[in-house]
PDB file of N, CA and C in Angstrom:
ATOM      1  N   MET A   1      49.997  -2.792  16.903  1.00  0.00           N
ATOM      2  CA  MET A   1      48.485  -2.441  16.292  1.00  0.00           C
ATOM      3  C   MET A   1      48.773  -0.151  16.214  1.00  0.00           C
ATOM      4  N   GLY A   2      48.499  -0.242  15.257  1.00  0.00           N
ATOM      5  CA  GLY A   2      48.521   0.635  14.960  1.00  0.00           C
ATOM      6  C   GLY A   2      46.896   2.147  15.188  1.00  0.00           C
ATOM      7  N   SER A   3      46.664   2.575  16.088  1.00  0.00           N
ATOM      8  CA  SER A   3      45.628   3.764  16.005  1.00  0.00           C
ATOM      9  C   SER A   3      45.315   4.600  14.742  1.00  0.00           C
ATOM     10  N   ASP A   4      45.814   5.025  13.660  1.00  0.00           N
ATOM     11  CA  ASP A   4      45.037   4.996  12.646  1.00  0.00           C
ATOM     12  C   ASP A   4      44.277   4.656  11.225  1.00  0.00           C
ATOM     13  N   VAL A   5      44.049   5.653  11.325  1.00  0.00           N
ATOM     14  CA  VAL A   5      42.666   6.043  10.644  1.00  0.00           C
ATOM     15  C   VAL A   5      43.559   6.022   9.267  1.00  0.00           C
ATOM     16  N   GLU A   6      43.250   5.434   8.191  1.00  0.00           N
ATOM     17  CA  GLU A   6      43.305   5.846   7.149  1.00  0.00           C
ATOM     18  C   GLU A   6      41.427   6.179   6.603  1.00  0.00           C
ATOM     19  N   LYS A   7      41.955   6.864   5.715  1.00  0.00           N
ATOM     20  CA  LYS A   7      40.960   7.596   4.616  1.00  0.00           C
ATOM     21  C   LYS A   7      40.939   6.948   3.587  1.00  0.00           C
ATOM     22  N   SER A   8      39.244   6.983   3.454  1.00  0.00           N
ATOM     23  CA  SER A   8      38.921   6.217   2.289  1.00  0.00           C
ATOM     24  C   SER A   8      39.710   7.057   1.134  1.00  0.00           C
ATOM     25  N   LYS A   9      39.965   6.533  -0.732  1.00  0.00           N
ATOM     26  CA  LYS A   9      39.819   6.670  -1.755  1.00  0.00           C
ATOM     27  C   LYS A   9      39.475   7.343  -2.002  1.00  0.00           C
ATOM     28  N   GLY A  10      37.685   7.744  -2.060  1.00  0.00           N
ATOM     29  CA  GLY A  10      37.275   8.162  -2.842  1.00  0.00           C
ATOM     30  C   GLY A  10      36.293   9.709  -2.164  1.00  0.00           C
ATOM     31  N   ASP A  11      35.694   9.627  -3.558  1.00  0.00           N
ATOM     32  CA  ASP A  11      35.832  11.506  -3.238  1.00  0.00           C
ATOM     33  C   ASP A  11      34.502  11.749  -2.896  1.00  0.00           C
ATOM     34  N   GLY A  12      33.224  11.136  -2.537  1.00  0.00           N
ATOM     35  CA  GLY A  12      32.525  11.049  -1.782  1.00  0.00           C
ATOM     36  C   GLY A  12      31.601  10.614  -2.835  1.00  0.00           C
ATOM     37  N   LEU A  13      29.617  11.237  -2.413  1.00  0.00           N
ATOM     38  CA  LEU A  13      28.966  11.055  -3.447  1.00  0.00           C
ATOM     39  C   LEU A  13      29.107  12.207  -4.263  1.00  0.00           C
ATOM     40  N   HIS A  14      28.319  11.794  -6.511  1.00  0.00           N
ATOM     41  CA  HIS A  14      28.665  12.999  -7.134  1.00  0.00           C
ATOM     42  C   HIS A  14      27.700  13.478  -6.698  1.00  0.00           C
ATOM     43  N   LEU A  15      26.958  15.210  -7.370  1.00  0.00           N
ATOM     44  CA  LEU A  15      25.578  14.803  -8.143  1.00  0.00           C
ATOM     45  C   LEU A  15      24.861  14.129  -9.181  1.00  0.00           C
ATOM     46  N   ALA A  16      25.938  13.074  -9.717  1.00  0.00           N
ATOM     47  CA  ALA A  16      24.790  12.076 -10.778  1.00  0.00           C
ATOM     48  C   ALA A  16      24.446  11.224  -8.745  1.00  0.00           C
ATOM     49  N   ASP A  17      25.243  10.304  -8.182  1.00  0.00           N
ATOM     50  CA  ASP A  17      24.995   9.897  -7.310  1.00  0.00           C
ATOM     51  C   ASP A  17      23.195  10.986  -6.192  1.00  0.00           C
ATOM     52  N   GLY A  18      23.581  12.368  -5.630  1.00  0.00           N
ATOM     53  CA  GLY A  18      22.032  12.213  -5.175  1.00  0.00           C
ATOM     54  C   GLY A  18      21.445  12.977  -6.225  1.00  0.00           C
ATOM     55  N   VAL A  19      20.869  12.897  -7.912  1.00  0.00           N
ATOM     56  CA  VAL A  19      20.850  13.077  -8.518  1.00  0.00           C
ATOM     57  C   VAL A  19      19.169  11.375  -9.051  1.00  0.00           C
ATOM     58  N   ILE A  20      20.842  10.620  -8.950  1.00  0.00           N
ATOM     59  CA  ILE A  20      19.681   9.259  -8.661  1.00  0.00           C
ATOM     60  C   ILE A  20      19.115   8.505  -7.866  1.00  0.00           C
ATOM     61  N   LEU A  21      19.524   8.887  -6.575  1.00  0.00           N
ATOM     62  CA  LEU A  21      18.990   8.531  -5.047  1.00  0.00           C
ATOM     63  C   LEU A  21      17.412   9.221  -5.110  1.00  0.00           C
ATOM     64  N   VAL A  22      17.563  10.632  -5.953  1.00  0.00           N
ATOM     65  CA  VAL A  22      16.278  11.414  -5.809  1.00  0.00           C
ATOM     66  C   VAL A  22      15.286  10.625  -6.219  1.00  0.00           C
ATOM     67  N   ALA A  23      15.416  10.076  -7.210  1.00  0.00           N
ATOM     68  CA  ALA A  23      14.591   9.948  -8.464  1.00  0.00           C
ATOM     69  C   ALA A  23      13.922   7.843  -7.969  1.00  0.00           C
ATOM     70  N   VAL A  24      15.156   7.760  -7.107  1.00  0.00           N
ATOM     71  CA  VAL A  24      14.874   6.001  -6.597  1.00  0.00           C
ATOM     72  C   VAL A  24      13.836   6.329  -5.559  1.00  0.00           C
ATOM     73  N   GLY A  25      14.009   7.706  -4.588  1.00  0.00           N
ATOM     74  CA  GLY A  25      13.065   8.537  -3.968  1.00  0.00           C
ATOM     75  C   GLY A  25      11.550   8.506  -3.571  1.00  0.00           C
ATOM     76  N   VAL A  26      11.834   9.329  -5.325  1.00  0.00           N
ATOM     77  CA  VAL A  26      10.678   9.609  -5.675  1.00  0.00           C
ATOM     78  C   VAL A  26      10.135   8.854  -6.743  1.00  0.00           C
ATOM     79  N   VAL A  27      11.075   7.468  -7.377  1.00  0.00           N
ATOM     80  CA  VAL A  27       9.562   6.711  -7.763  1.00  0.00           C
ATOM     81  C   VAL A  27       9.432   5.340  -6.886  1.00  0.00           C
ATOM     82  N   GLY A  28       9.421   4.886  -5.879  1.00  0.00           N
ATOM     83  CA  GLY A  28       9.752   4.605  -4.907  1.00  0.00           C
ATOM     84  C   GLY A  28       8.186   5.185  -4.273  1.00  0.00           C
ATOM     85  N   VAL A  29       8.136   5.995  -3.310  1.00  0.00           N
ATOM     86  CA  VAL A  29       7.408   6.902  -2.994  1.00  0.00           C
ATOM     87  C   VAL A  29       5.669   6.647  -3.507  1.00  0.00           C
ATOM     88  N   LEU A  30       6.139   6.938  -4.913  1.00  0.00           N
ATOM     89  CA  LEU A  30       4.621   7.052  -6.026  1.00  0.00           C
ATOM     90  C   LEU A  30       4.116   5.550  -6.141  1.00  0.00           C
ATOM     91  N   VAL A  31       5.472   4.039  -7.052  1.00  0.00           N
ATOM     92  CA  VAL A  31       5.110   3.123  -6.567  1.00  0.00           C
ATOM     93  C   VAL A  31       4.095   2.783  -5.452  1.00  0.00           C
ATOM     94  N   ALA A  32       5.077   3.640  -3.751  1.00  0.00           N
ATOM     95  CA  ALA A  32       3.995   2.771  -3.054  1.00  0.00           C
ATOM     96  C   ALA A  32       2.638   3.570  -2.876  1.00  0.00           C
ATOM     97  N   PHE A  33       2.498   4.793  -2.723  1.00  0.00           N
ATOM     98  CA  PHE A  33       1.180   5.220  -3.131  1.00  0.00           C
ATOM     99  C   PHE A  33      -0.096   4.303  -3.931  1.00  0.00           C
ATOM    100  N   TRP A  34       0.614   3.896  -5.336  1.00  0.00           N
ATOM    101  CA  TRP A  34      -0.054   2.839  -5.812  1.00  0.00           C
ATOM    102  C   TRP A  34      -0.768   1.542  -5.265  1.00  0.00           C
ATOM    103  N   VAL A  35       0.655   1.132  -4.860  1.00  0.00           N
ATOM    104  CA  VAL A  35       0.604   0.324  -3.644  1.00  0.00           C
ATOM    105  C   VAL A  35      -0.495  -0.335  -2.842  1.00  0.00           C
ATOM    106  N   LEU A  36      -0.884   1.077  -1.912  1.00  0.00           N
ATOM    107  CA  LEU A  36      -1.225   1.238  -1.264  1.00  0.00           C
ATOM    108  C   LEU A  36      -2.823   1.805  -1.322  1.00  0.00           C
ATOM    109  N   GLY A  37      -2.949   2.699  -2.737  1.00  0.00           N
ATOM    110  CA  GLY A  37      -4.158   2.937  -3.252  1.00  0.00           C
ATOM    111  C   GLY A  37      -5.453   1.419  -3.629  1.00  0.00           C
ATOM    112  N   ALA A  38      -4.399   0.967  -4.548  1.00  0.00           N
ATOM    113  CA  ALA A  38      -4.317  -0.607  -4.941  1.00  0.00           C
ATOM    114  C   ALA A  38      -5.395  -1.341  -4.005  1.00  0.00           C
ATOM    115  N   LEU A  39      -4.677  -1.564  -3.109  1.00  0.00           N
ATOM    116  CA  LEU A  39      -5.508  -1.680  -2.172  1.00  0.00           C
ATOM    117  C   LEU A  39      -6.344  -1.417  -1.648  1.00  0.00           C
ATOM    118  N   ALA A  40      -6.139  -0.846  -1.359  1.00  0.00           N
ATOM    119  CA  ALA A  40      -7.513   0.332  -0.218  1.00  0.00           C
ATOM    120  C   ALA A  40      -9.201   0.125  -0.894  1.00  0.00           C
ATOM    121  N   SER A  41      -8.063   0.408  -2.222  1.00  0.00           N
ATOM    122  CA  SER A  41      -9.734  -0.048  -3.888  1.00  0.00           C
ATOM    123  C   SER A  41      -9.892  -1.168  -3.342  1.00  0.00           C
ATOM    124  N   PHE A  42      -9.508  -1.994  -3.242  1.00  0.00           N
ATOM    125  CA  PHE A  42      -9.827  -3.808  -3.268  1.00  0.00           C
ATOM    126  C   PHE A  42     -10.342  -4.294  -1.726  1.00  0.00           C
ATOM    127  N   VAL A  43      -9.927  -3.567  -0.920  1.00  0.00           N
ATOM    128  CA  VAL A  43     -10.762  -3.706   0.355  1.00  0.00           C
ATOM    129  C   VAL A  43     -12.031  -2.977   0.102  1.00  0.00           C
ATOM    130  N   TRP A  44     -11.378  -1.624  -0.335  1.00  0.00           N
ATOM    131  CA  TRP A  44     -13.405  -0.835   0.153  1.00  0.00           C
ATOM    132  C   TRP A  44     -14.040  -2.073  -0.880  1.00  0.00           C
ATOM    133  N   GLY A  45     -13.828  -2.100  -2.047  1.00  0.00           N
ATOM    134  CA  GLY A  45     -14.682  -2.992  -2.136  1.00  0.00           C
ATOM    135  C   GLY A  45     -15.936  -4.114  -2.180  1.00  0.00           C
ATOM    136  N   PHE A  46     -14.427  -5.562  -1.589  1.00  0.00           N
ATOM    137  CA  PHE A  46     -14.616  -6.378  -0.655  1.00  0.00           C
ATOM    138  C   PHE A  46     -15.821  -6.107   0.394  1.00  0.00           C
ATOM    139  N   VAL A  47     -15.478  -4.728   0.703  1.00  0.00           N
ATOM    140  CA  VAL A  47     -16.072  -4.970   2.240  1.00  0.00           C
ATOM    141  C   VAL A  47     -18.259  -3.936   1.486  1.00  0.00           C
ATOM    142  N   LYS A  48     -17.834  -2.587   0.690  1.00  0.00           N
ATOM    143  CA  LYS A  48     -18.929  -2.563   0.452  1.00  0.00           C
ATOM    144  C   LYS A  48     -20.170  -4.320  -0.518  1.00  0.00           C
ATOM    145  N   PHE A  49     -19.026  -4.951  -0.745  1.00  0.00           N
ATOM    146  CA  PHE A  49     -19.536  -6.230  -1.801  1.00  0.00           C
ATOM    147  C   PHE A  49     -20.244  -6.842  -0.412  1.00  0.00           C
ATOM    148  N   VAL A  50     -20.157  -7.184   0.955  1.00  0.00           N
ATOM    149  CA  VAL A  50     -19.842  -7.734   1.791  1.00  0.00           C
ATOM    150  C   VAL A  50     -21.132  -7.621   2.543  1.00  0.00           C
ATOM    151  N   PHE A  51     -21.277  -6.019   2.669  1.00  0.00           N
ATOM    152  CA  PHE A  51     -22.857  -4.796   2.949  1.00  0.00           C
ATOM    153  C   PHE A  51     -23.522  -5.861   2.021  1.00  0.00           C
ATOM    154  N   ILE A  52     -23.139  -5.143   0.949  1.00  0.00           N
ATOM    155  CA  ILE A  52     -25.071  -5.842   0.062  1.00  0.00           C
ATOM    156  C   ILE A  52     -24.916  -7.537  -0.225  1.00  0.00           C
ATOM    157  N   VAL A  53     -24.244  -8.091   0.301  1.00  0.00           N
ATOM    158  CA  VAL A  53     -24.504  -9.936   0.047  1.00  0.00           C
ATOM    159  C   VAL A  53     -25.364  -9.922   2.105  1.00  0.00           C
ATOM    160  N   ALA A  54     -24.612  -8.681   3.097  1.00  0.00           N
ATOM    161  CA  ALA A  54     -26.005  -8.526   3.976  1.00  0.00           C
ATOM    162  C   ALA A  54     -27.016  -8.364   3.988  1.00  0.00           C
ATOM    163  N   LEU A  55     -27.461  -7.314   3.827  1.00  0.00           N
ATOM    164  CA  LEU A  55     -28.433  -6.798   3.055  1.00  0.00           C
ATOM    165  C   LEU A  55     -29.697  -7.362   2.555  1.00  0.00           C
ATOM    166  N   VAL A  56     -29.111  -8.764   1.134  1.00  0.00           N
ATOM    167  CA  VAL A  56     -29.708  -9.105   0.765  1.00  0.00           C
ATOM    168  C   VAL A  56     -30.182 -10.718   1.242  1.00  0.00           C
ATOM    169  N   ALA A  57     -29.957 -10.531   2.338  1.00  0.00           N
ATOM    170  CA  ALA A  57     -29.999 -12.039   2.993  1.00  0.00           C
ATOM    171  C   ALA A  57     -30.564 -11.527   3.678  1.00  0.00           C
ATOM    172  N   GLY A  58     -30.472 -10.753   4.947  1.00  0.00           N
ATOM    173  CA  GLY A  58     -31.444 -10.144   5.818  1.00  0.00           C
ATOM    174  C   GLY A  58     -32.858  -9.798   5.002  1.00  0.00           C
ATOM    175  N   ALA A  59     -32.864  -9.361   3.955  1.00  0.00           N
ATOM    176  CA  ALA A  59     -34.166  -9.571   3.209  1.00  0.00           C
ATOM    177  C   ALA A  59     -34.459 -10.681   2.903  1.00  0.00           C
ATOM    178  N   VAL A  60     -34.133 -11.506   2.164  1.00  0.00           N
ATOM    179  CA  VAL A  60     -34.897 -12.544   2.643  1.00  0.00           C
ATOM    180  C   VAL A  60     -35.469 -13.403   3.307  1.00  0.00           C
ATOM    181  N   THR A  61     -34.732 -13.526   4.399  1.00  0.00           N
ATOM    182  CA  THR A  61     -34.185 -13.967   6.149  1.00  0.00           C
ATOM    183  C   THR A  61     -36.379 -13.149   5.691  1.00  0.00           C
ATOM    184  N   LEU A  62     -35.702 -11.742   6.335  1.00  0.00           N
ATOM    185  CA  LEU A  62     -37.390 -11.401   6.475  1.00  0.00           C
ATOM    186  C   LEU A  62     -38.352 -11.590   5.988  1.00  0.00           C
ATOM    187  N   LEU A  63     -38.267 -11.902   5.093  1.00  0.00           N
ATOM    188  CA  LEU A  63     -39.330 -12.333   3.640  1.00  0.00           C
ATOM    189  C   LEU A  63     -40.156 -13.582   4.041  1.00  0.00           C
ATOM    190  N   MET A  64     -38.861 -14.900   4.315  1.00  0.00           N
ATOM    191  CA  MET A  64     -39.618 -16.213   4.166  1.00  0.00           C
ATOM    192  C   MET A  64     -39.997 -15.967   5.677  1.00  0.00           C
ATOM    193  N   ARG A  65     -40.163 -14.876   6.942  1.00  0.00           N
ATOM    194  CA  ARG A  65     -40.015 -14.987   8.379  1.00  0.00           C
ATOM    195  C   ARG A  65     -41.757 -14.527   8.145  1.00  0.00           C
ATOM    196  N   ARG A  66     -41.661 -13.537   7.156  1.00  0.00           N
ATOM    197  CA  ARG A  66     -42.982 -13.641   6.682  1.00  0.00           C
ATOM    198  C   ARG A  66     -43.232 -14.039   5.962  1.00  0.00           C
ATOM    199  N   ARG A  67     -43.061 -15.192   5.217  1.00  0.00           N
ATOM    200  CA  ARG A  67     -43.632 -15.837   4.142  1.00  0.00           C
ATOM    201  C   ARG A  67     -43.997 -17.424   5.321  1.00  0.00           C
ATOM    202  N   ARG A  68     -43.923 -17.822   6.727  1.00  0.00           N
ATOM    203  CA  ARG A  68     -44.244 -17.695   7.636  1.00  0.00           C
ATOM    204  C   ARG A  68     -45.315 -18.652   8.591  1.00  0.00           C
ATOM    205  N   SER A  69     -45.398 -16.662   8.885  1.00  0.00           N
ATOM    206  CA  SER A  69     -46.579 -16.589   9.461  1.00  0.00           C
ATOM    207  C   SER A  69     -48.096 -15.878   9.299  1.00  0.00           C
TER     208      SER A  69
END
């Protein structure tokens, strides 16, 4: 059993590999921001909808209570 470490035959990363890695990283960041922005927009729209429904329900409740008395 030998303890010799064999060097790999590859040359390592080339310039094109680095450019591709950077491009994929930039595209990944842009897609992540787009998805997170869309998700945040959806959640904010839902919160506004629930708030408006709660306001209308509260107003109707107050009007019905006032009519009964």
